[in-house]
C-alpha atoms as a PDB file:
ATOM      1  CA  MET A   1      19.139   5.698 -13.391  1.00  0.00           C
ATOM      2  CA  GLY A   2      22.873   4.824 -12.003  1.00  0.00           C
ATOM      3  CA  LEU A   3      23.452   7.046  -9.082  1.00  0.00           C
ATOM      4  CA  GLY A   4      27.290   7.325  -9.366  1.00  0.00           C
ATOM      5  CA  LEU A   5      27.651   5.469  -5.893  1.00  0.00           C
ATOM      6  CA  GLU A   6      30.803   3.369  -6.769  1.00  0.00           C
ATOM      7  CA  ASN A   7      33.803   3.407  -4.228  1.00  0.00           C
ATOM      8  CA  LYS A   8      32.114   6.215  -2.504  1.00  0.00           C
ATOM      9  CA  VAL A   9      33.119   6.197   1.487  1.00  0.00           C
ATOM     10  CA  ILE A  10      29.870   7.055   3.286  1.00  0.00           C
ATOM     11  CA  LEU A  11      29.517   7.023   6.957  1.00  0.00           C
ATOM     12  CA  VAL A  12      26.204   5.624   8.292  1.00  0.00           C
ATOM     13  CA  ALA A  13      25.320   6.524  12.157  1.00  0.00           C
ATOM     14  CA  ALA A  14      23.224   4.287  14.124  1.00  0.00           C
ATOM     15  CA  SER A  15      22.804   1.773  11.342  1.00  0.00           C
ATOM     16  CA  SER A  16      22.392  -1.560  13.205  1.00  0.00           C
ATOM     17  CA  LYS A  17      18.719  -1.060  12.137  1.00  0.00           C
ATOM     18  CA  GLY A  18      16.080   0.279  11.334  1.00  0.00           C
ATOM     19  CA  LEU A  19      16.072   3.733   8.906  1.00  0.00           C
ATOM     20  CA  GLY A  20      20.341   3.738   9.373  1.00  0.00           C
ATOM     21  CA  PHE A  21      20.545  -0.059   8.426  1.00  0.00           C
ATOM     22  CA  GLY A  22      18.072   0.819   5.355  1.00  0.00           C
ATOM     23  CA  THR A  23      20.079   3.457   4.036  1.00  0.00           C
ATOM     24  CA  ALA A  24      23.362   1.882   4.684  1.00  0.00           C
ATOM     25  CA  HIS A  25      22.469  -1.392   2.736  1.00  0.00           C
ATOM     26  CA  ALA A  26      20.689   0.919  -0.005  1.00  0.00           C
ATOM     27  CA  LEU A  27      24.123   2.705  -0.347  1.00  0.00           C
ATOM     28  CA  ALA A  28      26.025  -0.604  -0.334  1.00  0.00           C
ATOM     29  CA  LYS A  29      23.656  -2.175  -3.217  1.00  0.00           C
ATOM     30  CA  HIS A  30      24.704   1.094  -5.526  1.00  0.00           C
ATOM     31  CA  GLY A  31      28.559   0.070  -4.792  1.00  0.00           C
ATOM     32  CA  ALA A  32      29.423   2.387  -1.755  1.00  0.00           C
ATOM     33  CA  LYS A  33      31.663   1.709   0.809  1.00  0.00           C
ATOM     34  CA  VAL A  34      29.883   2.210   3.932  1.00  0.00           C
ATOM     35  CA  SER A  35      31.133   2.818   7.738  1.00  0.00           C
ATOM     36  CA  ILE A  36      28.609   2.094   9.892  1.00  0.00           C
ATOM     37  CA  CYS A  37      28.338   2.386  13.646  1.00  0.00           C
ATOM     38  CA  SER A  38      25.860   1.905  16.909  1.00  0.00           C
ATOM     39  CA  ARG A  39      26.440   1.789  20.460  1.00  0.00           C
ATOM     40  CA  ASN A  40      25.874  -2.186  20.525  1.00  0.00           C
ATOM     41  CA  LEU A  41      29.002  -3.729  18.838  1.00  0.00           C
ATOM     42  CA  GLU A  42      27.640  -7.139  18.277  1.00  0.00           C
ATOM     43  CA  GLU A  43      24.498  -5.821  16.665  1.00  0.00           C
ATOM     44  CA  ILE A  44      26.653  -3.320  14.335  1.00  0.00           C
ATOM     45  CA  GLU A  45      28.628  -6.380  13.404  1.00  0.00           C
ATOM     46  CA  THR A  46      25.120  -8.690  12.422  1.00  0.00           C
ATOM     47  CA  ALA A  47      24.594  -5.926  10.627  1.00  0.00           C
ATOM     48  CA  ALA A  48      27.760  -5.002   8.329  1.00  0.00           C
ATOM     49  CA  ALA A  49      27.897  -8.920   8.217  1.00  0.00           C
ATOM     50  CA  LYS A  50      24.336  -8.958   6.632  1.00  0.00           C
ATOM     51  CA  ILE A  51      25.021  -5.897   4.292  1.00  0.00           C
ATOM     52  CA  HIS A  52      28.101  -7.796   2.829  1.00  0.00           C
ATOM     53  CA  GLU A  53      26.917 -11.062   2.118  1.00  0.00           C
ATOM     54  CA  GLU A  54      24.047  -9.368   0.379  1.00  0.00           C
ATOM     55  CA  THR A  55      25.470  -6.846  -1.116  1.00  0.00           C
ATOM     56  CA  GLY A  56      29.410  -7.821  -1.606  1.00  0.00           C
ATOM     57  CA  ALA A  57      30.227  -4.367  -0.481  1.00  0.00           C
ATOM     58  CA  ASP A  58      33.162  -3.132   1.856  1.00  0.00           C
ATOM     59  CA  VAL A  59      31.621  -2.783   5.413  1.00  0.00           C
ATOM     60  CA  HIS A  60      33.498  -0.991   8.244  1.00  0.00           C
ATOM     61  CA  ALA A  61      31.528  -1.459  11.770  1.00  0.00           C
ATOM     62  CA  VAL A  62      32.524   0.276  14.770  1.00  0.00           C
ATOM     63  CA  ALA A  63      31.010   0.209  18.504  1.00  0.00           C
ATOM     64  CA  CYS A  64      30.164   4.450  18.488  1.00  0.00           C
ATOM     65  CA  ASP A  65      28.204   6.063  20.937  1.00  0.00           C
ATOM     66  CA  VAL A  66      27.006   9.240  19.075  1.00  0.00           C
ATOM     67  CA  THR A  67      26.861  11.347  22.420  1.00  0.00           C
ATOM     68  CA  LYS A  68      30.597  10.841  23.406  1.00  0.00           C
ATOM     69  CA  ALA A  69      33.007  13.323  21.444  1.00  0.00           C
ATOM     70  CA  GLU A  70      35.537  11.319  21.858  1.00  0.00           C
ATOM     71  CA  GLN A  71      34.069   8.249  20.207  1.00  0.00           C
ATOM     72  CA  VAL A  72      32.774  10.199  17.313  1.00  0.00           C
ATOM     73  CA  THR A  73      36.146  11.448  16.614  1.00  0.00           C
ATOM     74  CA  GLU A  74      37.480   7.931  16.768  1.00  0.00           C
ATOM     75  CA  TRP A  75      34.677   6.495  14.029  1.00  0.00           C
ATOM     76  CA  VAL A  76      35.434   9.022  11.330  1.00  0.00           C
ATOM     77  CA  GLN A  77      39.154   8.862  12.141  1.00  0.00           C
ATOM     78  CA  GLY A  78      39.510   4.902  11.786  1.00  0.00           C
ATOM     79  CA  THR A  79      37.390   5.224   8.308  1.00  0.00           C
ATOM     80  CA  VAL A  80      39.712   7.431   6.980  1.00  0.00           C
ATOM     81  CA  GLU A  81      42.781   5.306   8.272  1.00  0.00           C
ATOM     82  CA  ARG A  82      41.059   2.607   6.363  1.00  0.00           C
ATOM     83  CA  TRP A  83      39.821   4.304   3.151  1.00  0.00           C
ATOM     84  CA  GLY A  84      41.475   7.824   3.048  1.00  0.00           C
ATOM     85  CA  VAL A  85      38.761  10.147   2.274  1.00  0.00           C
ATOM     86  CA  ILE A  86      35.030  10.428   3.138  1.00  0.00           C
ATOM     87  CA  HIS A  87      32.647  11.540   0.227  1.00  0.00           C
ATOM     88  CA  GLY A  88      28.873  11.306   2.227  1.00  0.00           C
ATOM     89  CA  LEU A  89      27.651  11.080   6.060  1.00  0.00           C
ATOM     90  CA  LEU A  90      23.919  10.246   7.069  1.00  0.00           C
ATOM     91  CA  VAL A  91      23.414  11.892  10.411  1.00  0.00           C
ATOM     92  CA  ASN A  92      21.184   9.453  12.392  1.00  0.00           C
ATOM     93  CA  ALA A  93      20.464   9.028  16.220  1.00  0.00           C
ATOM     94  CA  GLY A  94      17.832   7.155  17.848  1.00  0.00           C
ATOM     95  CA  GLY A  95      14.792   9.498  18.869  1.00  0.00           C
ATOM     96  CA  PRO A  96      14.607  11.234  22.540  1.00  0.00           C
ATOM     97  CA  PRO A  97      12.175   8.804  24.852  1.00  0.00           C
ATOM     98  CA  SER A  98       8.279  10.225  24.719  1.00  0.00           C
ATOM     99  CA  GLY A  99       7.060  12.586  27.226  1.00  0.00           C
ATOM    100  CA  PHE A 100       4.854  15.841  27.675  1.00  0.00           C
ATOM    101  CA  PHE A 101       6.505  19.097  28.781  1.00  0.00           C
ATOM    102  CA  LYS A 102       4.942  18.955  32.403  1.00  0.00           C
ATOM    103  CA  ASP A 103       6.941  15.196  33.077  1.00  0.00           C
ATOM    104  CA  LEU A 104      10.137  16.280  31.469  1.00  0.00           C
ATOM    105  CA  SER A 105      13.330  16.910  33.800  1.00  0.00           C
ATOM    106  CA  ASP A 106      16.106  18.960  33.006  1.00  0.00           C
ATOM    107  CA  GLU A 107      18.491  15.799  32.931  1.00  0.00           C
ATOM    108  CA  GLN A 108      15.649  14.634  29.990  1.00  0.00           C
ATOM    109  CA  TRP A 109      16.145  18.238  28.086  1.00  0.00           C
ATOM    110  CA  HIS A 110      19.945  17.784  28.641  1.00  0.00           C
ATOM    111  CA  SER A 111      20.015  14.156  27.248  1.00  0.00           C
ATOM    112  CA  ALA A 112      17.856  14.936  24.154  1.00  0.00           C
ATOM    113  CA  PHE A 113      19.993  17.748  23.362  1.00  0.00           C
ATOM    114  CA  GLU A 114      23.270  15.614  23.420  1.00  0.00           C
ATOM    115  CA  LEU A 115      21.738  12.868  21.751  1.00  0.00           C
ATOM    116  CA  THR A 116      19.874  14.922  18.647  1.00  0.00           C
ATOM    117  CA  LEU A 117      21.377  18.269  18.510  1.00  0.00           C
ATOM    118  CA  MET A 118      24.980  18.163  19.719  1.00  0.00           C
ATOM    119  CA  SER A 119      25.585  14.328  17.952  1.00  0.00           C
ATOM    120  CA  THR A 120      24.707  15.986  14.636  1.00  0.00           C
ATOM    121  CA  ILE A 121      27.068  19.191  15.342  1.00  0.00           C
ATOM    122  CA  ARG A 122      30.108  16.782  16.180  1.00  0.00           C
ATOM    123  CA  MET A 123      29.365  14.467  13.262  1.00  0.00           C
ATOM    124  CA  ILE A 124      29.245  17.169  10.631  1.00  0.00           C
ATOM    125  CA  ARG A 125      32.537  18.976  12.304  1.00  0.00           C
ATOM    126  CA  GLU A 126      34.470  15.566  12.253  1.00  0.00           C
ATOM    127  CA  VAL A 127      33.817  14.661   8.546  1.00  0.00           C
ATOM    128  CA  ILE A 128      34.010  18.117   7.088  1.00  0.00           C
ATOM    129  CA  PRO A 129      38.253  18.218   6.968  1.00  0.00           C
ATOM    130  CA  HIS A 130      38.225  14.759   5.409  1.00  0.00           C
ATOM    131  CA  MET A 131      35.556  15.285   3.081  1.00  0.00           C
ATOM    132  CA  SER A 132      36.137  15.534  -0.647  1.00  0.00           C
ATOM    133  CA  GLU A 133      34.781  18.181  -3.531  1.00  0.00           C
ATOM    134  CA  SER A 134      31.196  17.283  -4.109  1.00  0.00           C
ATOM    135  CA  GLY A 135      30.469  15.766  -0.733  1.00  0.00           C
ATOM    136  CA  ALA A 136      27.323  15.223   1.053  1.00  0.00           C
ATOM    137  CA  ILE A 137      25.793  15.692   4.495  1.00  0.00           C
ATOM    138  CA  LEU A 138      22.128  14.406   4.951  1.00  0.00           C
ATOM    139  CA  ALA A 139      20.555  14.249   8.177  1.00  0.00           C
ATOM    140  CA  VAL A 140      17.286  12.326   9.487  1.00  0.00           C
ATOM    141  CA  THR A 141      14.910  14.579  11.327  1.00  0.00           C
ATOM    142  CA  SER A 142      11.106  14.140  11.721  1.00  0.00           C
ATOM    143  CA  TYR A 143       7.885  15.817  10.723  1.00  0.00           C
ATOM    144  CA  SER A 144       7.747  17.180  13.720  1.00  0.00           C
ATOM    145  CA  ILE A 145       9.940  20.007  12.146  1.00  0.00           C
ATOM    146  CA  ASN A 146       6.639  20.906  10.549  1.00  0.00           C
ATOM    147  CA  MET A 147       4.193  20.247  13.140  1.00  0.00           C
ATOM    148  CA  PRO A 148       4.265  19.011  16.600  1.00  0.00           C
ATOM    149  CA  ILE A 149       3.657  15.072  17.424  1.00  0.00           C
ATOM    150  CA  GLU A 150       1.969  14.766  20.321  1.00  0.00           C
ATOM    151  CA  SER A 151       3.962  13.631  23.723  1.00  0.00           C
ATOM    152  CA  LEU A 152       7.268  14.075  21.552  1.00  0.00           C
ATOM    153  CA  ALA A 153       8.456  17.630  23.033  1.00  0.00           C
ATOM    154  CA  LEU A 154      12.109  16.648  23.298  1.00  0.00           C
ATOM    155  CA  SER A 155      12.220  15.137  19.722  1.00  0.00           C
ATOM    156  CA  THR A 156      10.253  18.355  18.414  1.00  0.00           C
ATOM    157  CA  VAL A 157      12.334  20.879  19.507  1.00  0.00           C
ATOM    158  CA  MET A 158      15.784  19.570  19.116  1.00  0.00           C
ATOM    159  CA  ARG A 159      15.010  18.377  15.655  1.00  0.00           C
ATOM    160  CA  ALA A 160      14.316  22.047  14.695  1.00  0.00           C
ATOM    161  CA  GLY A 161      17.476  22.910  15.845  1.00  0.00           C
ATOM    162  CA  VAL A 162      18.687  20.485  13.478  1.00  0.00           C
ATOM    163  CA  ALA A 163      16.679  21.644  10.715  1.00  0.00           C
ATOM    164  CA  ALA A 164      17.852  25.188  11.258  1.00  0.00           C
ATOM    165  CA  LEU A 165      21.827  24.019  11.579  1.00  0.00           C
ATOM    166  CA  LEU A 166      21.068  22.364   7.750  1.00  0.00           C
ATOM    167  CA  LYS A 167      20.001  25.370   6.086  1.00  0.00           C
ATOM    168  CA  THR A 168      23.142  27.326   7.865  1.00  0.00           C
ATOM    169  CA  LEU A 169      25.520  24.684   6.801  1.00  0.00           C
ATOM    170  CA  ALA A 170      23.796  24.305   3.295  1.00  0.00           C
ATOM    171  CA  GLU A 171      25.065  28.018   2.623  1.00  0.00           C
ATOM    172  CA  GLU A 172      28.275  27.836   4.575  1.00  0.00           C
ATOM    173  CA  LEU A 173      29.687  24.804   2.826  1.00  0.00           C
ATOM    174  CA  ALA A 174      28.295  25.459  -0.680  1.00  0.00           C
ATOM    175  CA  PRO A 175      31.437  26.710  -1.835  1.00  0.00           C
ATOM    176  CA  ASN A 176      33.535  23.981  -0.799  1.00  0.00           C
ATOM    177  CA  GLY A 177      31.468  21.642  -2.869  1.00  0.00           C
ATOM    178  CA  ILE A 178      29.380  19.883   0.016  1.00  0.00           C
ATOM    179  CA  ARG A 179      25.655  19.497  -0.325  1.00  0.00           C
ATOM    180  CA  VAL A 180      23.508  19.621   2.898  1.00  0.00           C
ATOM    181  CA  ASN A 181      20.299  18.295   3.012  1.00  0.00           C
ATOM    182  CA  ASN A 182      17.502  17.257   5.348  1.00  0.00           C
ATOM    183  CA  LEU A 183      15.326  13.676   5.085  1.00  0.00           C
ATOM    184  CA  ILE A 184      12.094  13.308   7.023  1.00  0.00           C
ATOM    185  CA  PRO A 185      10.811   9.565   7.695  1.00  0.00           C
ATOM    186  CA  GLY A 186       6.945   9.680   7.874  1.00  0.00           C
ATOM    187  CA  ARG A 187       5.710   6.653   9.443  1.00  0.00           C
ATOM    188  CA  ILE A 188       8.447   3.797   8.745  1.00  0.00           C
ATOM    189  CA  LEU A 189       8.411   0.624  10.351  1.00  0.00           C
ATOM    190  CA  THR A 190      10.645   0.395  12.821  1.00  0.00           C
ATOM    191  CA  ASP A 191      11.407  -0.515  16.167  1.00  0.00           C
ATOM    192  CA  ARG A 192      10.865   3.162  16.881  1.00  0.00           C
ATOM    193  CA  THR A 193       7.800   3.102  15.548  1.00  0.00           C
ATOM    194  CA  ILE A 194       6.554  -0.087  17.282  1.00  0.00           C
ATOM    195  CA  TYR A 195       7.809   1.940  20.658  1.00  0.00           C
ATOM    196  CA  LEU A 196       5.858   5.322  19.889  1.00  0.00           C
ATOM    197  CA  ASP A 197       2.514   2.963  19.044  1.00  0.00           C
ATOM    198  CA  GLN A 198       2.773   1.294  22.187  1.00  0.00           C
ATOM    199  CA  ASN A 199       2.946   4.130  24.498  1.00  0.00           C
ATOM    200  CA  ALA A 200      -0.128   5.601  22.218  1.00  0.00           C
ATOM    201  CA  ALA A 201      -1.736   2.551  22.755  1.00  0.00           C
ATOM    202  CA  ARG A 202      -0.980   2.430  26.606  1.00  0.00           C
ATOM    203  CA  ARG A 203      -2.093   6.075  27.341  1.00  0.00           C
ATOM    204  CA  ARG A 204      -5.182   5.899  25.890  1.00  0.00           C
ATOM    205  CA  GLY A 205      -6.084   2.363  26.831  1.00  0.00           C
ATOM    206  CA  VAL A 206      -6.877   0.462  23.447  1.00  0.00           C
ATOM    207  CA  THR A 207      -4.911  -1.771  21.218  1.00  0.00           C
ATOM    208  CA  ILE A 208      -1.657  -1.338  19.200  1.00  0.00           C
ATOM    209  CA  GLU A 209      -3.337  -2.496  16.325  1.00  0.00           C
ATOM    210  CA  GLU A 210      -6.191   0.329  16.950  1.00  0.00           C
ATOM    211  CA  ILE A 211      -3.258   2.889  16.847  1.00  0.00           C
ATOM    212  CA  ARG A 212      -1.812   1.439  13.688  1.00  0.00           C
ATOM    213  CA  GLN A 213      -5.416   1.334  12.126  1.00  0.00           C
ATOM    214  CA  GLU A 214      -5.653   5.223  12.787  1.00  0.00           C
ATOM    215  CA  THR A 215      -2.067   6.354  11.799  1.00  0.00           C
ATOM    216  CA  VAL A 216      -2.709   4.348   8.360  1.00  0.00           C
ATOM    217  CA  LYS A 217      -6.153   6.326   7.584  1.00  0.00           C
ATOM    218  CA  ARG A 218      -3.833   9.684   7.857  1.00  0.00           C
ATOM    219  CA  ILE A 219      -1.517   8.425   5.377  1.00  0.00           C
ATOM    220  CA  PRO A 220      -2.991   8.853   1.516  1.00  0.00           C
ATOM    221  CA  LEU A 221      -1.052   6.069   0.451  1.00  0.00           C
ATOM    222  CA  GLY A 222      -2.813   3.555   3.199  1.00  0.00           C
ATOM    223  CA  ARG A 223       0.069   2.047   4.119  1.00  0.00           C
ATOM    224  CA  LEU A 224       3.474   2.233   6.772  1.00  0.00           C
ATOM    225  CA  GLY A 225       6.591   3.110   4.705  1.00  0.00           C
ATOM    226  CA  THR A 226       9.583   0.727   4.849  1.00  0.00           C
ATOM    227  CA  ILE A 227      13.148   0.857   5.467  1.00  0.00           C
ATOM    228  CA  GLU A 228      14.036  -0.020   1.862  1.00  0.00           C
ATOM    229  CA  GLU A 229      12.067   2.695   0.378  1.00  0.00           C
ATOM    230  CA  PHE A 230      13.631   5.208   2.784  1.00  0.00           C
ATOM    231  CA  GLY A 231      16.915   3.888   2.489  1.00  0.00           C
ATOM    232  CA  ASP A 232      16.505   4.284  -1.514  1.00  0.00           C
ATOM    233  CA  ALA A 233      15.403   7.873  -0.739  1.00  0.00           C
ATOM    234  CA  ALA A 234      18.600   8.599   1.639  1.00  0.00           C
ATOM    235  CA  ALA A 235      20.871   7.109  -0.996  1.00  0.00           C
ATOM    236  CA  PHE A 236      20.009   9.374  -3.769  1.00  0.00           C
ATOM    237  CA  LEU A 237      20.688  12.547  -1.656  1.00  0.00           C
ATOM    238  CA  LEU A 238      23.885  11.160  -1.042  1.00  0.00           C
ATOM    239  CA  SER A 239      24.577  10.438  -4.332  1.00  0.00           C
ATOM    240  CA  PRO A 240      26.409  12.582  -7.331  1.00  0.00           C
ATOM    241  CA  ALA A 241      22.822  12.133  -8.736  1.00  0.00           C
ATOM    242  CA  ALA A 242      21.630  14.340  -6.560  1.00  0.00           C
ATOM    243  CA  GLY A 243      24.222  17.114  -7.633  1.00  0.00           C
ATOM    244  CA  TYR A 244      22.474  20.008  -8.095  1.00  0.00           C
ATOM    245  CA  ILE A 245      20.238  19.232  -4.734  1.00  0.00           C
ATOM    246  CA  THR A 246      21.345  21.325  -0.937  1.00  0.00           C
ATOM    247  CA  GLY A 247      19.040  22.949   1.445  1.00  0.00           C
ATOM    248  CA  ALA A 248      16.533  20.937   0.534  1.00  0.00           C
ATOM    249  CA  THR A 249      14.388  18.575   2.743  1.00  0.00           C
ATOM    250  CA  LEU A 250      12.575  15.630   1.304  1.00  0.00           C
ATOM    251  CA  ARG A 251       9.955  13.992   3.105  1.00  0.00           C
ATOM    252  CA  VAL A 252       9.284  10.002   2.710  1.00  0.00           C
ATOM    253  CA  ASP A 253       5.753   9.858   4.630  1.00  0.00           C
ATOM    254  CA  GLY A 254       3.326   8.288   1.933  1.00  0.00           C
ATOM    255  CA  GLY A 255       1.682  12.017   1.647  1.00  0.00           C
ATOM    256  CA  LEU A 256       1.052  11.887   5.524  1.00  0.00           C
ATOM    257  CA  VAL A 257       2.377  15.427   5.889  1.00  0.00           C
ATOM    258  CA  ARG A 258      -0.102  18.270   3.968  1.00  0.00           C
ATOM    259  CA  SER A 259       1.730  21.426   4.743  1.00  0.00           C
ATOM    260  CA  PHE A 260       2.849  23.065   1.449  1.00  0.00           C
END
């Protein structure tokens, strides 16, 4: 099935590696023009070169800290100056640090708010004026919006706010032909997953491999997911092929979350 992504202009945040890179690569593979960003210029330029080399796609790479409003504006404006229009946006950011509620400071709560919720608000607010009819906005959240995850209070609270925002915008932006959806990764093999497994292993006094084995046992498909699998799901939801899907939440989790 063709996705209809040829020459579509799509911004992908936090895309030097992990879920963002997997999404940008999948979009480029289907013919999209991708504007990618991360805080580290060298890393995002390396990612852009890899995507171009492997797909032939036109890639625009920018250093952008999504917690800084002016940098988000510059990223969006630079994309519009290059291609004239925006067809899609993947909202994505590295997760807040792990920690239990009793150990978290006001500063950590504020930083998580800026990183997770306010970055989402700012990215979406910036792209809407430049988005063509039948545009698509997709945000990466977490299965913590379905059930709390141990030691991830910051992520759980902030991503719940993002999920509520997405449902609100799905209705508000529908008359403009803009779709808004939510994509939830399960245990995808990324640097973030490794970081969380390391913290869990340290806290419990076991090996990372033991933590990984416990995780896999809870996944019906019996393995971790890949960034390629996540990217393909994201590319579909950002594409015209998903033109009648809005306000929806899709989990790419191998069956991990059992809720209805």
